Amino acid sequence: MFIGILYLFLTFVICFILVHLIKLAHMGLKSTKKKPEPPPEKKPEPKPEPVYYIVEKKRSKKASYSEPKEIKFKK
């Protein structure tokens, strides 16, 4: 009688392990067949346009200089 219970228990354990091994193998095969997603394309940041300043030179030695004028060139 005890040998029958032992066989039943061993059969259950072996079937349980086999079913889970097959499921894990199937999941592993599915994951290797998937193509990796390409990384999202990053847009390059626009470079700021160069700013040029014109500084006026005064002839008198005591006079103060005015603020530089900003010039932006359009493309």
C-alpha atoms as a PDB file:
ATOM      1  CA  MET A   1       0.000   0.000   0.000  1.00  0.00           C
ATOM      2  CA  PHE A   2       2.782   2.417   0.877  1.00  0.00           C
ATOM      3  CA  ILE A   3       4.571   1.696  -2.395  1.00  0.00           C
ATOM      4  CA  GLY A   4       1.496   2.835  -4.356  1.00  0.00           C
ATOM      5  CA  ILE A   5       1.355   6.157  -2.472  1.00  0.00           C
ATOM      6  CA  LEU A   6       5.095   6.618  -3.057  1.00  0.00           C
ATOM      7  CA  TYR A   7       4.693   6.013  -6.821  1.00  0.00           C
ATOM      8  CA  LEU A   8       1.750   8.417  -6.949  1.00  0.00           C
ATOM      9  CA  PHE A   9       3.731  11.129  -5.127  1.00  0.00           C
ATOM     10  CA  LEU A  10       6.833  10.634  -7.316  1.00  0.00           C
ATOM     11  CA  THR A  11       4.713  10.756 -10.496  1.00  0.00           C
ATOM     12  CA  PHE A  12       3.106  13.998  -9.339  1.00  0.00           C
ATOM     13  CA  VAL A  13       6.482  15.601  -8.521  1.00  0.00           C
ATOM     14  CA  ILE A  14       8.034  14.535 -11.835  1.00  0.00           C
ATOM     15  CA  CYS A  15       5.045  15.813 -13.854  1.00  0.00           C
ATOM     16  CA  PHE A  16       5.018  19.086 -11.871  1.00  0.00           C
ATOM     17  CA  ILE A  17       8.717  19.664 -12.572  1.00  0.00           C
ATOM     18  CA  LEU A  18       8.390  18.746 -16.276  1.00  0.00           C
ATOM     19  CA  VAL A  19       5.437  21.083 -16.844  1.00  0.00           C
ATOM     20  CA  HIS A  20       7.270  24.009 -15.266  1.00  0.00           C
ATOM     21  CA  LEU A  21      10.487  23.276 -17.167  1.00  0.00           C
ATOM     22  CA  ILE A  22       8.568  23.227 -20.457  1.00  0.00           C
ATOM     23  CA  LYS A  23       6.859  26.522 -19.594  1.00  0.00           C
ATOM     24  CA  LEU A  24      10.184  28.167 -18.717  1.00  0.00           C
ATOM     25  CA  ALA A  25      11.798  26.851 -21.921  1.00  0.00           C
ATOM     26  CA  HIS A  26       8.899  28.217 -23.981  1.00  0.00           C
ATOM     27  CA  MET A  27       9.188  31.641 -22.299  1.00  0.00           C
ATOM     28  CA  GLY A  28      12.951  31.647 -22.944  1.00  0.00           C
ATOM     29  CA  LEU A  29      12.501  30.851 -26.627  1.00  0.00           C
ATOM     30  CA  LYS A  30       9.886  33.575 -27.033  1.00  0.00           C
ATOM     31  CA  SER A  31      12.146  36.161 -25.408  1.00  0.00           C
ATOM     32  CA  THR A  32      15.095  35.337 -27.681  1.00  0.00           C
ATOM     33  CA  LYS A  33      12.971  35.612 -30.837  1.00  0.00           C
ATOM     34  CA  LYS A  34      11.757  39.124 -30.023  1.00  0.00           C
ATOM     35  CA  LYS A  35      13.613  41.905 -31.767  1.00  0.00           C
ATOM     36  CA  PRO A  36      15.015  44.487 -29.378  1.00  0.00           C
ATOM     37  CA  GLU A  37      13.285  47.831 -29.638  1.00  0.00           C
ATOM     38  CA  PRO A  38      15.481  50.515 -31.189  1.00  0.00           C
ATOM     39  CA  PRO A  39      16.239  53.381 -28.836  1.00  0.00           C
ATOM     40  CA  PRO A  40      14.118  56.468 -29.474  1.00  0.00           C
ATOM     41  CA  GLU A  41      15.797  58.939 -31.784  1.00  0.00           C
ATOM     42  CA  LYS A  42      17.039  62.040 -30.052  1.00  0.00           C
ATOM     43  CA  LYS A  43      16.779  65.297 -31.916  1.00  0.00           C
ATOM     44  CA  PRO A  44      20.015  67.252 -31.848  1.00  0.00           C
ATOM     45  CA  GLU A  45      19.715  70.462 -29.904  1.00  0.00           C
ATOM     46  CA  PRO A  46      20.014  73.521 -32.135  1.00  0.00           C
ATOM     47  CA  LYS A  47      23.173  75.474 -31.542  1.00  0.00           C
ATOM     48  CA  PRO A  48      22.594  79.047 -30.470  1.00  0.00           C
ATOM     49  CA  GLU A  49      23.403  81.576 -33.129  1.00  0.00           C
ATOM     50  CA  PRO A  50      26.599  83.525 -32.530  1.00  0.00           C
ATOM     51  CA  VAL A  51      26.113  87.055 -31.258  1.00  0.00           C
ATOM     52  CA  TYR A  52      28.536  89.751 -32.300  1.00  0.00           C
ATOM     53  CA  TYR A  53      29.035  93.012 -30.445  1.00  0.00           C
ATOM     54  CA  ILE A  54      30.250  96.292 -31.866  1.00  0.00           C
ATOM     55  CA  VAL A  55      31.944  98.564 -29.395  1.00  0.00           C
ATOM     56  CA  GLU A  56      32.163 102.191 -30.329  1.00  0.00           C
ATOM     57  CA  LYS A  57      35.424 103.932 -29.658  1.00  0.00           C
ATOM     58  CA  LYS A  58      35.192 107.476 -28.332  1.00  0.00           C
ATOM     59  CA  ARG A  59      37.839 109.995 -29.192  1.00  0.00           C
ATOM     60  CA  SER A  60      37.828 111.912 -25.978  1.00  0.00           C
ATOM     61  CA  LYS A  61      39.723 110.364 -23.118  1.00  0.00           C
ATOM     62  CA  LYS A  62      37.295 111.380 -20.384  1.00  0.00           C
ATOM     63  CA  ALA A  63      34.070 110.211 -22.050  1.00  0.00           C
ATOM     64  CA  SER A  64      32.491 106.950 -20.985  1.00  0.00           C
ATOM     65  CA  TYR A  65      31.724 104.190 -23.394  1.00  0.00           C
ATOM     66  CA  SER A  66      28.165 103.314 -24.335  1.00  0.00           C
ATOM     67  CA  GLU A  67      26.739  99.835 -24.019  1.00  0.00           C
ATOM     68  CA  PRO A  68      27.794  97.498 -26.851  1.00  0.00           C
ATOM     69  CA  LYS A  69      25.255  97.041 -29.618  1.00  0.00           C
ATOM     70  CA  GLU A  70      24.059  93.495 -30.185  1.00  0.00           C
ATOM     71  CA  ILE A  71      23.832  92.224 -33.749  1.00  0.00           C
ATOM     72  CA  LYS A  72      22.098  88.964 -34.671  1.00  0.00           C
ATOM     73  CA  PHE A  73      22.445  87.568 -38.152  1.00  0.00           C
ATOM     74  CA  LYS A  74      19.503  85.760 -39.675  1.00  0.00           C
ATOM     75  CA  LYS A  75      20.093  82.625 -41.702  1.00  0.00           C
END
